[in-house]
Amino acid sequence: MGEPSLAFWVSADEDDGSDAMGMFGRGGETVLRQVPLGPLRKNLTETVTALQQVFADVAAQDGTLPLREAQLQFQVTASGGIQLVGTSQVQGTRAITLVFRQ
């Protein structure tokens, strides 16, 4: 029995070993792949830890408009990588949303 994994739809272009496209490439074919939980867990934990520090820094600034919520989207690559989705990329992109609330 191999490493635990989860099934994700990913770009067929990822079969070449690159993580360039995330879950869905630009108009490419998608395929169902087993994504290893070890790298996914590690990468997601590192990403969330870094984001929490950024949000803590922003929230520490006193102002009239305090940060109460942040929503971020990310994609999972075939090898368990995490790619945050920028606003210019969101249109036509399927992603998982993380919501951080105070």
C-alpha atoms as a PDB file:
ATOM      1  CA  MET A   1       0.000   0.000   0.000  1.00  0.00           C
ATOM      2  CA  GLY A   2       1.412   3.393  -1.024  1.00  0.00           C
ATOM      3  CA  GLU A   3       1.376   6.774   0.586  1.00  0.00           C
ATOM      4  CA  PRO A   4      -2.101   8.117   1.528  1.00  0.00           C
ATOM      5  CA  SER A   5      -3.535  10.377  -1.159  1.00  0.00           C
ATOM      6  CA  LEU A   6      -6.607  12.311  -2.273  1.00  0.00           C
ATOM      7  CA  ALA A   7      -8.080  12.454  -5.750  1.00  0.00           C
ATOM      8  CA  PHE A   8      -7.867  15.871  -7.472  1.00  0.00           C
ATOM      9  CA  TRP A   9      -8.637  16.991 -10.999  1.00  0.00           C
ATOM     10  CA  VAL A  10      -5.417  18.441 -12.394  1.00  0.00           C
ATOM     11  CA  SER A  11      -4.147  19.670 -15.742  1.00  0.00           C
ATOM     12  CA  ALA A  12      -3.030  16.849 -18.024  1.00  0.00           C
ATOM     13  CA  ASP A  13       0.058  18.990 -18.725  1.00  0.00           C
ATOM     14  CA  GLU A  14       1.343  18.093 -15.270  1.00  0.00           C
ATOM     15  CA  ASP A  15       2.173  14.579 -16.398  1.00  0.00           C
ATOM     16  CA  ASP A  16       5.538  15.976 -17.531  1.00  0.00           C
ATOM     17  CA  GLY A  17       6.492  16.503 -13.862  1.00  0.00           C
ATOM     18  CA  SER A  18       6.086  20.281 -13.798  1.00  0.00           C
ATOM     19  CA  ASP A  19       3.653  21.981 -11.445  1.00  0.00           C
ATOM     20  CA  ALA A  20       3.081  24.905 -13.771  1.00  0.00           C
ATOM     21  CA  MET A  21      -0.693  24.725 -14.134  1.00  0.00           C
ATOM     22  CA  GLY A  22      -2.285  23.686 -10.840  1.00  0.00           C
ATOM     23  CA  MET A  23      -5.711  22.037 -10.919  1.00  0.00           C
ATOM     24  CA  PHE A  24      -6.796  23.415 -14.259  1.00  0.00           C
ATOM     25  CA  GLY A  25      -4.528  24.796 -16.920  1.00  0.00           C
ATOM     26  CA  ARG A  26      -5.549  27.364 -19.480  1.00  0.00           C
ATOM     27  CA  GLY A  27      -7.982  25.412 -21.608  1.00  0.00           C
ATOM     28  CA  GLY A  28      -6.105  22.127 -21.242  1.00  0.00           C
ATOM     29  CA  GLU A  29      -7.525  18.698 -20.618  1.00  0.00           C
ATOM     30  CA  THR A  30      -8.011  17.676 -17.004  1.00  0.00           C
ATOM     31  CA  VAL A  31      -7.370  14.268 -15.510  1.00  0.00           C
ATOM     32  CA  LEU A  32      -8.115  12.717 -12.130  1.00  0.00           C
ATOM     33  CA  ARG A  33      -4.884  12.088 -10.186  1.00  0.00           C
ATOM     34  CA  GLN A  34      -4.067  10.818  -6.725  1.00  0.00           C
ATOM     35  CA  VAL A  35      -2.228  13.646  -4.930  1.00  0.00           C
ATOM     36  CA  PRO A  36       0.074  12.453  -2.115  1.00  0.00           C
ATOM     37  CA  LEU A  37      -1.058  13.724   1.306  1.00  0.00           C
ATOM     38  CA  GLY A  38       2.463  14.139   2.715  1.00  0.00           C
ATOM     39  CA  PRO A  39       3.586  16.922   0.351  1.00  0.00           C
ATOM     40  CA  LEU A  40       0.074  18.423   0.253  1.00  0.00           C
ATOM     41  CA  ARG A  41      -0.078  18.617   4.062  1.00  0.00           C
ATOM     42  CA  LYS A  42       3.444  20.097   4.287  1.00  0.00           C
ATOM     43  CA  ASN A  43       2.860  22.695   1.563  1.00  0.00           C
ATOM     44  CA  LEU A  44      -0.573  23.734   2.825  1.00  0.00           C
ATOM     45  CA  THR A  45       0.724  24.044   6.414  1.00  0.00           C
ATOM     46  CA  GLU A  46       3.663  26.208   5.299  1.00  0.00           C
ATOM     47  CA  THR A  47       1.382  28.405   3.185  1.00  0.00           C
ATOM     48  CA  VAL A  48      -1.202  28.903   5.951  1.00  0.00           C
ATOM     49  CA  THR A  49       1.525  29.617   8.533  1.00  0.00           C
ATOM     50  CA  ALA A  50       3.061  32.301   6.303  1.00  0.00           C
ATOM     51  CA  LEU A  51      -0.356  33.824   5.560  1.00  0.00           C
ATOM     52  CA  GLN A  52      -1.268  33.917   9.250  1.00  0.00           C
ATOM     53  CA  GLN A  53       1.901  35.903   9.959  1.00  0.00           C
ATOM     54  CA  VAL A  54       1.097  38.343   7.164  1.00  0.00           C
ATOM     55  CA  PHE A  55      -2.459  38.761   8.469  1.00  0.00           C
ATOM     56  CA  ALA A  56      -1.181  39.246  12.024  1.00  0.00           C
ATOM     57  CA  ASP A  57       1.152  42.004  10.799  1.00  0.00           C
ATOM     58  CA  VAL A  58      -1.691  43.714   8.945  1.00  0.00           C
ATOM     59  CA  ALA A  59      -4.121  43.326  11.861  1.00  0.00           C
ATOM     60  CA  ALA A  60      -1.549  44.815  14.271  1.00  0.00           C
ATOM     61  CA  GLN A  61      -1.774  48.146  12.464  1.00  0.00           C
ATOM     62  CA  ASP A  62      -4.249  50.435  14.178  1.00  0.00           C
ATOM     63  CA  GLY A  63      -6.616  52.098  11.782  1.00  0.00           C
ATOM     64  CA  THR A  64     -10.194  52.877  11.006  1.00  0.00           C
ATOM     65  CA  LEU A  65     -10.600  49.812   8.769  1.00  0.00           C
ATOM     66  CA  PRO A  66      -9.252  46.785  10.658  1.00  0.00           C
ATOM     67  CA  LEU A  67      -8.820  43.454   8.871  1.00  0.00           C
ATOM     68  CA  ARG A  68     -11.698  41.184   9.910  1.00  0.00           C
ATOM     69  CA  GLU A  69     -11.660  38.610   7.128  1.00  0.00           C
ATOM     70  CA  ALA A  70      -9.440  37.487   4.277  1.00  0.00           C
ATOM     71  CA  GLN A  71     -10.367  35.089   1.485  1.00  0.00           C
ATOM     72  CA  LEU A  72      -7.749  33.411  -0.653  1.00  0.00           C
ATOM     73  CA  GLN A  73      -8.032  30.836  -3.379  1.00  0.00           C
ATOM     74  CA  PHE A  74      -5.494  28.158  -4.114  1.00  0.00           C
ATOM     75  CA  GLN A  75      -4.951  25.289  -6.479  1.00  0.00           C
ATOM     76  CA  VAL A  76      -3.438  21.902  -5.744  1.00  0.00           C
ATOM     77  CA  THR A  77      -0.874  20.494  -8.158  1.00  0.00           C
ATOM     78  CA  ALA A  78      -0.507  16.821  -9.056  1.00  0.00           C
ATOM     79  CA  SER A  79       2.552  16.527  -6.812  1.00  0.00           C
ATOM     80  CA  GLY A  80       0.857  18.148  -3.791  1.00  0.00           C
ATOM     81  CA  GLY A  81       2.057  21.699  -4.383  1.00  0.00           C
ATOM     82  CA  ILE A  82       0.006  24.745  -3.432  1.00  0.00           C
ATOM     83  CA  GLN A  83      -0.457  27.701  -5.792  1.00  0.00           C
ATOM     84  CA  LEU A  84      -2.252  30.814  -4.567  1.00  0.00           C
ATOM     85  CA  VAL A  85      -4.548  32.283  -7.213  1.00  0.00           C
ATOM     86  CA  GLY A  86      -4.134  35.994  -7.909  1.00  0.00           C
ATOM     87  CA  THR A  87      -7.100  38.144  -8.867  1.00  0.00           C
ATOM     88  CA  SER A  88      -6.003  38.442 -12.484  1.00  0.00           C
ATOM     89  CA  GLN A  89      -6.053  34.642 -12.759  1.00  0.00           C
ATOM     90  CA  VAL A  90      -9.373  33.957 -11.035  1.00  0.00           C
ATOM     91  CA  GLN A  91     -11.633  34.265 -14.078  1.00  0.00           C
ATOM     92  CA  GLY A  92     -12.254  30.831 -15.487  1.00  0.00           C
ATOM     93  CA  THR A  93     -10.127  29.173 -12.808  1.00  0.00           C
ATOM     94  CA  ARG A  94     -11.436  26.634 -10.338  1.00  0.00           C
ATOM     95  CA  ALA A  95      -9.818  26.855  -6.962  1.00  0.00           C
ATOM     96  CA  ILE A  96     -10.312  26.013  -3.293  1.00  0.00           C
ATOM     97  CA  THR A  97     -11.107  29.005  -1.079  1.00  0.00           C
ATOM     98  CA  LEU A  98      -9.604  29.503   2.375  1.00  0.00           C
ATOM     99  CA  VAL A  99     -11.445  31.972   4.632  1.00  0.00           C
ATOM    100  CA  PHE A 100      -9.623  33.449   7.623  1.00  0.00           C
ATOM    101  CA  ARG A 101     -11.839  35.271  10.163  1.00  0.00           C
ATOM    102  CA  GLN A 102     -10.958  37.192  13.243  1.00  0.00           C
END
